[in-house]
């Protein structure tokens, strides 16, 4: 499958892997800086220390 600009579209597996890497990078940076992250837990928005993830 090709996009309109004739560039190949990455596979869904590659897109998911990139998203996982990005999320892990955000978590690692937050751990390093001892910050909190805002996440959804059981449908509620909560703040969690990155080191607790």
Foldseek 3Di string as FASTA:
>chain_A
DADPVRDDDDDPVVVVVVVVVVVVVVLVVQQVVQHWDWDADPNDTDIDGSVVD
